[in-house]
Amino acid sequence: MPSTNRSWTAILAVAVCFVCHALAAAADAPSPAETLLVDNKSPYPSENGGWIMLSPADAADWELRKLRLRKRADESGTAKQSVTTTFSIVVGKPTATATASNPPSALPTILDSLSSNFTPGPNGEPASCPKFINSFLSSQEFKECYPLSMLFDNSRSFFDAQKSLVSITRTLDVTCAANVTACSAYMGRLAQDFTAPENCGPDWERGNSAVVAAHKAMLAYAPVYGAGCLRDPETSAYCYANAITNSTTGNTYIYFLPFNKTLPGSTVPSCGYCTQQTMNLFQVATGDRRQLIANTYTSAAKQVNLVCGPNFVNETLAAEVIPNSSGARNRGLESSTLLATSVSLMVAFMWLT
């Protein structure tokens, strides 16, 4: 029996060893493999302000879609901008309103660059001419007439205004709004008072260039008004504004004829409506032989006809207008009134036709 017990004990011990070895081997074996899921998505901003997770392929499609939407928005914005920035300028018509961001510039000032070389009084008193000039420049009647003829000389601001079609048009709108008949009579009286001994007579007699030029401008009020206010019927723009802002100077010289200035020999005017009708207005003005245009018209008309044809303008002076009133002063005023009436009627007729 003892031998049998030892045998079973040995067998049991061997079995225990096998079990222990099996358990030890099981403890050292690696765990079963698991599939590792790698999330390669990235966050992208969505249209509603949130975020979305997109794979690289989806992200590429998303970026392409955003580019298309941005391009479409840019094209739409450009189209809208082109509509809102479109503007137009009407030339030759006075405007009643002005934007706050672009207020109209001041009108040119008459005699703003007049020299101060005036003749003093006989006993060394201050010169009387500047006082008289300041007096009529500040008068309401003179301001209402705003004579174009007196802007041609000794006005730096008018020289600057002529560089812009808008500025010169605005200036002409104001000067052409005056009553030409009433202003012609006023300018005639002013011209006579201007050369009085107690005013600017001493400077006028000694040939002060600024004083002589101002006196000529007063006498030339009516013909210069007529020519300056003449419009081109095709564009409604002032003929003078077009001439002075044009790159060629041929038409500009014609407007200086009423100031006793002849056309330069090289002048080549355009042969259109404005040149022809301006010369017609000046021809009417020659009816008053005291007008300086009577001295310069004939030679200028011949020069224009050499360029534009033999019958383009009348080369002869108009029939002389002889006033009926007695007295030199009254004759001068009556002549100015008759001339102004003729010029204004002619301008109105040209504008209506």
Protein backbone atom coordinates (compact mmCIF):
# COMPACT_ATOMS: atom_id res chain seq x y z
CA MET A 1 0.00 0.00 0.00
CA PRO A 2 2.71 2.43 0.88
CA SER A 3 4.25 1.82 -2.54
CA THR A 4 0.94 2.50 -4.21
CA ASN A 5 0.45 5.75 -2.33
CA ARG A 6 3.87 7.00 -3.37
CA SER A 7 3.03 6.27 -7.00
CA TRP A 8 -0.15 8.31 -6.93
CA THR A 9 1.65 11.05 -5.10
CA ALA A 10 4.28 11.16 -7.81
CA ILE A 11 1.64 11.18 -10.53
CA LEU A 12 -0.24 13.96 -8.77
CA ALA A 13 2.95 15.99 -8.39
CA VAL A 14 3.72 15.64 -12.08
CA ALA A 15 0.17 16.73 -12.95
CA VAL A 16 0.49 19.77 -10.71
CA CYS A 17 3.73 20.70 -12.44
CA PHE A 18 2.05 20.54 -15.85
CA VAL A 19 -0.82 22.71 -14.64
CA CYS A 20 1.53 25.29 -13.14
CA HIS A 21 3.58 25.41 -16.32
CA ALA A 22 0.45 25.87 -18.40
CA LEU A 23 -0.75 28.69 -16.19
CA ALA A 24 2.65 30.36 -16.33
CA ALA A 25 2.73 30.12 -20.12
CA ALA A 26 -0.78 31.58 -20.35
CA ALA A 27 0.21 34.52 -18.16
CA ASP A 28 3.19 35.41 -20.42
CA ALA A 29 1.22 35.27 -23.76
CA PRO A 30 0.43 38.69 -25.43
CA SER A 31 -3.09 40.12 -25.50
CA PRO A 32 -5.19 39.65 -28.67
CA ALA A 33 -4.51 42.41 -31.29
CA GLU A 34 -7.04 45.28 -31.69
CA THR A 35 -7.54 47.50 -34.82
CA LEU A 36 -6.32 51.11 -34.17
CA LEU A 37 -8.72 53.65 -35.71
CA VAL A 38 -6.82 56.88 -36.66
CA ASP A 39 -9.17 59.95 -36.98
CA ASN A 40 -7.55 62.23 -39.61
CA LYS A 41 -10.42 64.76 -39.71
CA SER A 42 -9.77 68.43 -39.01
CA PRO A 43 -12.09 71.23 -37.86
CA TYR A 44 -13.29 73.82 -40.44
CA PRO A 45 -15.54 76.87 -39.90
CA SER A 46 -19.05 76.38 -41.18
CA GLU A 47 -21.33 78.97 -42.85
CA ASN A 48 -23.45 79.38 -39.72
CA GLY A 49 -20.50 80.34 -37.51
CA GLY A 50 -19.85 76.87 -36.02
CA TRP A 51 -17.29 74.18 -36.81
CA ILE A 52 -17.43 70.94 -38.81
CA MET A 53 -14.98 68.03 -38.96
CA LEU A 54 -13.81 67.20 -42.50
CA SER A 55 -11.45 64.67 -43.96
CA PRO A 56 -8.70 65.87 -46.33
CA ALA A 57 -10.76 64.94 -49.36
CA ASP A 58 -13.87 66.64 -48.01
CA ALA A 59 -11.81 69.64 -46.95
CA ALA A 60 -10.51 70.12 -50.51
CA ASP A 61 -14.08 70.16 -51.82
CA TRP A 62 -15.07 72.58 -49.06
CA GLU A 63 -12.26 75.05 -49.91
CA LEU A 64 -13.15 74.92 -53.61
CA ARG A 65 -16.76 75.67 -52.79
CA LYS A 66 -15.75 78.68 -50.64
CA LEU A 67 -13.58 80.04 -53.46
CA ARG A 68 -16.49 79.86 -55.87
CA LEU A 69 -18.79 81.63 -53.42
CA ARG A 70 -16.19 84.37 -52.78
CA LYS A 71 -15.64 84.94 -56.50
CA ARG A 72 -19.37 85.22 -57.09
CA ALA A 73 -19.68 87.76 -54.24
CA ASP A 74 -16.79 89.84 -55.61
CA GLU A 75 -18.34 89.97 -59.06
CA SER A 76 -21.66 91.02 -57.59
CA GLY A 77 -20.00 93.76 -55.50
CA THR A 78 -18.11 95.13 -58.50
CA ALA A 79 -21.30 95.34 -60.53
CA LYS A 80 -23.08 97.20 -57.74
CA GLN A 81 -20.17 99.59 -57.29
CA SER A 82 -20.09 100.49 -60.98
CA VAL A 83 -23.73 101.49 -60.77
CA THR A 84 -23.44 103.65 -57.67
CA THR A 85 -20.37 105.58 -58.88
CA THR A 86 -21.78 106.55 -62.26
CA PHE A 87 -22.37 110.31 -62.54
CA SER A 88 -22.97 112.96 -65.17
CA ILE A 89 -22.30 116.68 -65.45
CA VAL A 90 -24.74 118.98 -67.22
CA VAL A 91 -22.78 121.84 -68.78
CA GLY A 92 -24.31 125.22 -69.48
CA LYS A 93 -27.21 125.08 -67.03
CA PRO A 94 -27.10 126.78 -63.61
CA THR A 95 -27.57 124.48 -60.63
CA ALA A 96 -29.68 125.36 -57.61
CA THR A 97 -28.07 122.99 -55.10
CA ALA A 98 -24.59 121.87 -54.18
CA THR A 99 -23.32 118.93 -52.14
CA ALA A 100 -21.85 119.63 -48.74
CA SER A 101 -18.64 117.75 -49.60
CA ASN A 102 -18.03 119.76 -52.78
CA PRO A 103 -19.20 123.34 -52.22
CA PRO A 104 -18.99 125.65 -55.23
CA SER A 105 -15.86 127.75 -55.42
CA ALA A 106 -16.08 131.53 -55.13
CA LEU A 107 -16.73 133.50 -58.29
CA PRO A 108 -13.76 135.28 -59.88
CA THR A 109 -13.12 138.72 -58.43
CA ILE A 110 -13.02 141.77 -60.70
CA LEU A 111 -9.75 143.76 -60.58
CA ASP A 112 -8.24 141.49 -57.93
CA SER A 113 -4.72 142.02 -59.31
CA LEU A 114 -4.90 145.74 -60.03
CA SER A 115 -1.59 147.56 -59.56
CA SER A 116 -1.27 150.36 -57.01
CA ASN A 117 0.64 152.82 -59.20
CA PHE A 118 -1.89 155.66 -59.10
CA THR A 119 -1.45 159.42 -59.46
CA PRO A 120 -1.63 161.33 -56.15
CA GLY A 121 -3.63 164.52 -55.75
CA PRO A 122 -2.25 167.91 -56.89
CA ASN A 123 -1.17 168.78 -53.36
CA GLY A 124 0.16 165.34 -52.49
CA GLU A 125 -3.18 163.98 -51.29
CA PRO A 126 -3.84 160.23 -51.55
CA ALA A 127 -4.80 159.11 -55.05
CA SER A 128 -8.54 159.43 -55.73
CA CYS A 129 -8.75 156.59 -58.26
CA PRO A 130 -8.46 153.66 -55.79
CA LYS A 131 -11.20 155.18 -53.66
CA PHE A 132 -13.52 155.45 -56.66
CA ILE A 133 -12.72 151.90 -57.77
CA ASN A 134 -13.47 150.51 -54.32
CA SER A 135 -16.69 152.49 -54.30
CA PHE A 136 -18.17 151.04 -57.48
CA LEU A 137 -16.84 147.53 -56.80
CA SER A 138 -18.81 147.47 -53.55
CA SER A 139 -22.02 148.90 -55.02
CA GLN A 140 -25.00 146.58 -55.32
CA GLU A 141 -25.74 147.67 -58.89
CA PHE A 142 -22.26 146.72 -60.04
CA LYS A 143 -22.44 143.38 -58.26
CA GLU A 144 -25.77 142.57 -59.91
CA CYS A 145 -24.32 143.31 -63.35
CA TYR A 146 -21.11 141.34 -62.66
CA PRO A 147 -19.67 142.46 -66.03
CA LEU A 148 -17.77 139.79 -67.93
CA SER A 149 -15.85 142.46 -69.83
CA MET A 150 -14.15 143.63 -66.62
CA LEU A 151 -12.86 140.15 -65.84
CA PHE A 152 -10.64 139.92 -68.91
CA ASP A 153 -7.88 142.16 -67.50
CA ASN A 154 -6.41 142.41 -64.01
CA SER A 155 -8.28 139.42 -62.58
CA ARG A 156 -6.08 136.54 -61.56
CA SER A 157 -9.03 134.56 -60.22
CA PHE A 158 -10.76 134.74 -63.62
CA PHE A 159 -7.60 133.48 -65.29
CA ASP A 160 -7.67 130.48 -62.97
CA ALA A 161 -11.41 129.91 -63.48
CA GLN A 162 -10.90 129.63 -67.23
CA LYS A 163 -8.84 126.49 -66.73
CA SER A 164 -11.96 124.53 -65.82
CA LEU A 165 -15.07 124.14 -67.97
CA VAL A 166 -17.22 123.82 -64.85
CA SER A 167 -15.79 126.98 -63.24
CA ILE A 168 -16.03 129.17 -66.33
CA THR A 169 -19.56 127.91 -67.01
CA ARG A 170 -20.64 128.83 -63.49
CA THR A 171 -19.10 132.30 -63.95
CA LEU A 172 -20.97 132.81 -67.21
CA ASP A 173 -24.23 131.65 -65.62
CA VAL A 174 -23.98 134.54 -63.16
CA THR A 175 -22.87 137.28 -65.55
CA CYS A 176 -25.46 136.27 -68.16
CA ALA A 177 -28.27 136.43 -65.60
CA ALA A 178 -27.94 140.23 -65.47
CA ASN A 179 -30.36 142.60 -67.20
CA VAL A 180 -28.20 143.59 -70.16
CA THR A 181 -30.22 146.72 -70.98
CA ALA A 182 -30.13 148.15 -67.46
CA CYS A 183 -26.51 147.14 -66.96
CA SER A 184 -25.43 148.67 -70.28
CA ALA A 185 -26.87 152.01 -69.19
CA TYR A 186 -25.19 151.67 -65.80
CA MET A 187 -21.82 150.75 -67.33
CA GLY A 188 -22.10 153.72 -69.70
CA ARG A 189 -22.58 156.09 -66.76
CA LEU A 190 -19.76 154.39 -64.88
CA ALA A 191 -17.37 154.81 -67.83
CA GLN A 192 -18.08 158.54 -67.92
CA ASP A 193 -17.70 158.96 -64.16
CA PHE A 194 -14.55 156.87 -64.23
CA THR A 195 -12.63 159.42 -66.33
CA ALA A 196 -13.79 162.44 -64.32
CA PRO A 197 -10.92 164.52 -62.85
CA GLU A 198 -12.02 163.81 -59.29
CA ASN A 199 -11.97 160.05 -59.89
CA CYS A 200 -9.57 158.24 -62.25
CA GLY A 201 -9.24 160.97 -64.90
CA PRO A 202 -5.60 161.86 -64.09
CA ASP A 203 -4.49 158.22 -64.36
CA TRP A 204 -6.52 157.69 -67.52
CA GLU A 205 -4.98 160.78 -69.15
CA ARG A 206 -1.43 159.72 -68.34
CA GLY A 207 -2.09 156.28 -69.82
CA ASN A 208 -2.05 154.13 -66.71
CA SER A 209 -2.44 150.72 -68.37
CA ALA A 210 -4.71 149.25 -65.70
CA VAL A 211 -7.00 152.29 -65.70
CA VAL A 212 -7.16 152.45 -69.50
CA ALA A 213 -7.97 148.71 -69.66
CA ALA A 214 -10.73 149.09 -67.05
CA HIS A 215 -12.27 151.98 -68.99
CA LYS A 216 -12.24 149.96 -72.24
CA ALA A 217 -13.92 147.09 -70.41
CA MET A 218 -16.72 149.37 -69.22
CA LEU A 219 -17.36 150.58 -72.76
CA ALA A 220 -17.27 147.02 -74.14
CA TYR A 221 -19.87 145.64 -71.72
CA ALA A 222 -22.71 145.05 -74.21
CA PRO A 223 -20.80 143.32 -77.06
CA VAL A 224 -18.81 141.18 -74.63
CA TYR A 225 -22.02 140.23 -72.82
CA GLY A 226 -23.58 139.16 -76.13
CA ALA A 227 -20.59 137.09 -77.21
CA GLY A 228 -19.97 135.58 -73.78
CA CYS A 229 -23.58 134.51 -73.31
CA LEU A 230 -23.96 132.95 -76.76
CA ARG A 231 -24.59 129.19 -76.65
CA ASP A 232 -23.97 126.38 -79.08
CA PRO A 233 -27.48 125.11 -79.99
CA GLU A 234 -26.24 121.54 -80.41
CA THR A 235 -24.75 121.23 -76.92
CA SER A 236 -26.33 124.17 -75.02
CA ALA A 237 -22.80 124.98 -73.80
CA TYR A 238 -21.46 128.51 -73.85
CA CYS A 239 -19.40 129.21 -76.97
CA TYR A 240 -16.88 131.16 -74.92
CA ALA A 241 -16.47 128.32 -72.41
CA ASN A 242 -15.72 125.88 -75.21
CA ALA A 243 -13.30 128.30 -76.87
CA ILE A 244 -11.32 129.14 -73.74
CA THR A 245 -10.97 125.50 -72.57
CA ASN A 246 -10.10 124.18 -76.03
CA SER A 247 -6.52 123.17 -76.79
CA THR A 248 -6.42 125.58 -79.75
CA THR A 249 -6.46 129.36 -79.27
CA GLY A 250 -7.83 130.41 -82.66
CA ASN A 251 -11.34 131.09 -81.37
CA THR A 252 -10.20 132.75 -78.15
CA TYR A 253 -8.62 135.80 -79.81
CA ILE A 254 -11.95 136.81 -81.35
CA TYR A 255 -13.33 137.71 -77.91
CA PHE A 256 -10.69 140.44 -77.48
CA LEU A 257 -11.85 142.46 -80.50
CA PRO A 258 -14.19 144.71 -78.40
CA PHE A 259 -11.13 145.78 -76.36
CA ASN A 260 -9.49 147.34 -79.44
CA LYS A 261 -7.20 144.35 -79.96
CA THR A 262 -6.75 143.00 -83.48
CA LEU A 263 -6.47 139.33 -84.39
CA PRO A 264 -2.93 137.96 -84.57
CA GLY A 265 -1.93 137.22 -88.15
CA SER A 266 -1.55 133.52 -87.37
CA THR A 267 -5.10 133.14 -86.05
CA VAL A 268 -6.98 130.20 -87.57
CA PRO A 269 -10.53 130.17 -86.15
CA SER A 270 -12.91 127.27 -86.51
CA CYS A 271 -15.59 127.79 -89.13
CA GLY A 272 -18.61 126.83 -87.08
CA TYR A 273 -21.74 128.30 -85.56
CA CYS A 274 -20.03 129.98 -82.60
CA THR A 275 -17.46 131.85 -84.69
CA GLN A 276 -20.03 133.00 -87.22
CA GLN A 277 -22.61 134.20 -84.71
CA THR A 278 -20.03 135.86 -82.47
CA MET A 279 -18.82 137.89 -85.45
CA ASN A 280 -22.44 138.71 -86.34
CA LEU A 281 -22.97 140.08 -82.82
CA PHE A 282 -19.84 142.18 -83.10
CA GLN A 283 -20.96 143.47 -86.49
CA VAL A 284 -24.21 144.71 -84.92
CA ALA A 285 -22.19 146.41 -82.16
CA THR A 286 -20.23 148.42 -84.74
CA GLY A 287 -23.39 150.49 -85.28
CA ASP A 288 -22.15 152.53 -82.32
CA ARG A 289 -19.00 154.00 -83.82
CA ARG A 290 -17.70 154.88 -80.35
CA GLN A 291 -17.45 151.20 -79.55
CA LEU A 292 -13.88 149.98 -79.97
CA ILE A 293 -15.14 146.99 -81.95
CA ALA A 294 -15.74 149.46 -84.80
CA ASN A 295 -11.96 149.82 -85.06
CA THR A 296 -11.12 146.11 -85.18
CA TYR A 297 -14.10 144.37 -86.78
CA THR A 298 -13.46 144.85 -90.51
CA SER A 299 -9.91 143.49 -90.56
CA ALA A 300 -10.93 140.57 -88.33
CA ALA A 301 -13.90 139.71 -90.57
CA LYS A 302 -11.66 139.64 -93.63
CA GLN A 303 -9.21 137.38 -91.83
CA VAL A 304 -12.01 135.00 -90.80
CA ASN A 305 -13.32 134.89 -94.37
CA LEU A 306 -9.87 133.97 -95.66
CA VAL A 307 -10.14 130.80 -93.59
CA CYS A 308 -13.87 130.06 -93.73
CA GLY A 309 -14.91 131.40 -97.14
CA PRO A 310 -15.68 134.79 -98.72
CA ASN A 311 -19.22 135.12 -97.37
CA PHE A 312 -18.88 133.41 -94.00
CA VAL A 313 -19.26 136.74 -92.14
CA ASN A 314 -20.13 140.29 -93.16
CA GLU A 315 -16.96 142.32 -93.70
CA THR A 316 -18.62 145.76 -93.47
CA LEU A 317 -19.65 147.79 -90.43
CA ALA A 318 -23.31 147.99 -89.46
CA ALA A 319 -25.30 151.12 -90.26
CA GLU A 320 -24.37 153.80 -87.76
CA VAL A 321 -26.78 154.36 -84.89
CA ILE A 322 -27.23 158.10 -84.32
CA PRO A 323 -28.97 158.91 -81.01
CA ASN A 324 -31.64 161.62 -81.01
CA SER A 325 -30.96 162.96 -77.51
CA SER A 326 -29.01 166.16 -77.06
CA GLY A 327 -25.93 166.36 -74.88
CA ALA A 328 -22.87 164.17 -74.99
CA ARG A 329 -23.76 162.30 -71.80
CA ASN A 330 -27.32 161.56 -72.90
CA ARG A 331 -26.18 160.51 -76.35
CA GLY A 332 -23.74 158.09 -74.79
CA LEU A 333 -26.34 156.55 -72.52
CA GLU A 334 -28.92 156.30 -75.31
CA SER A 335 -26.38 154.68 -77.60
CA SER A 336 -25.48 152.14 -74.92
CA THR A 337 -29.15 151.34 -74.36
CA LEU A 338 -29.85 150.91 -78.07
CA LEU A 339 -26.80 148.71 -78.49
CA ALA A 340 -27.71 146.60 -75.47
CA THR A 341 -31.25 146.13 -76.76
CA SER A 342 -29.98 145.07 -80.18
CA VAL A 343 -27.47 142.65 -78.69
CA SER A 344 -29.93 141.11 -76.23
CA LEU A 345 -32.55 140.63 -78.93
CA MET A 346 -30.00 139.04 -81.22
CA VAL A 347 -28.78 136.67 -78.51
CA ALA A 348 -32.37 135.69 -77.68
CA PHE A 349 -33.14 135.10 -81.36
CA MET A 350 -30.06 132.91 -81.82
CA TRP A 351 -30.88 130.91 -78.70
CA LEU A 352 -34.48 130.30 -79.73
CA THR A 353 -33.55 129.30 -83.27
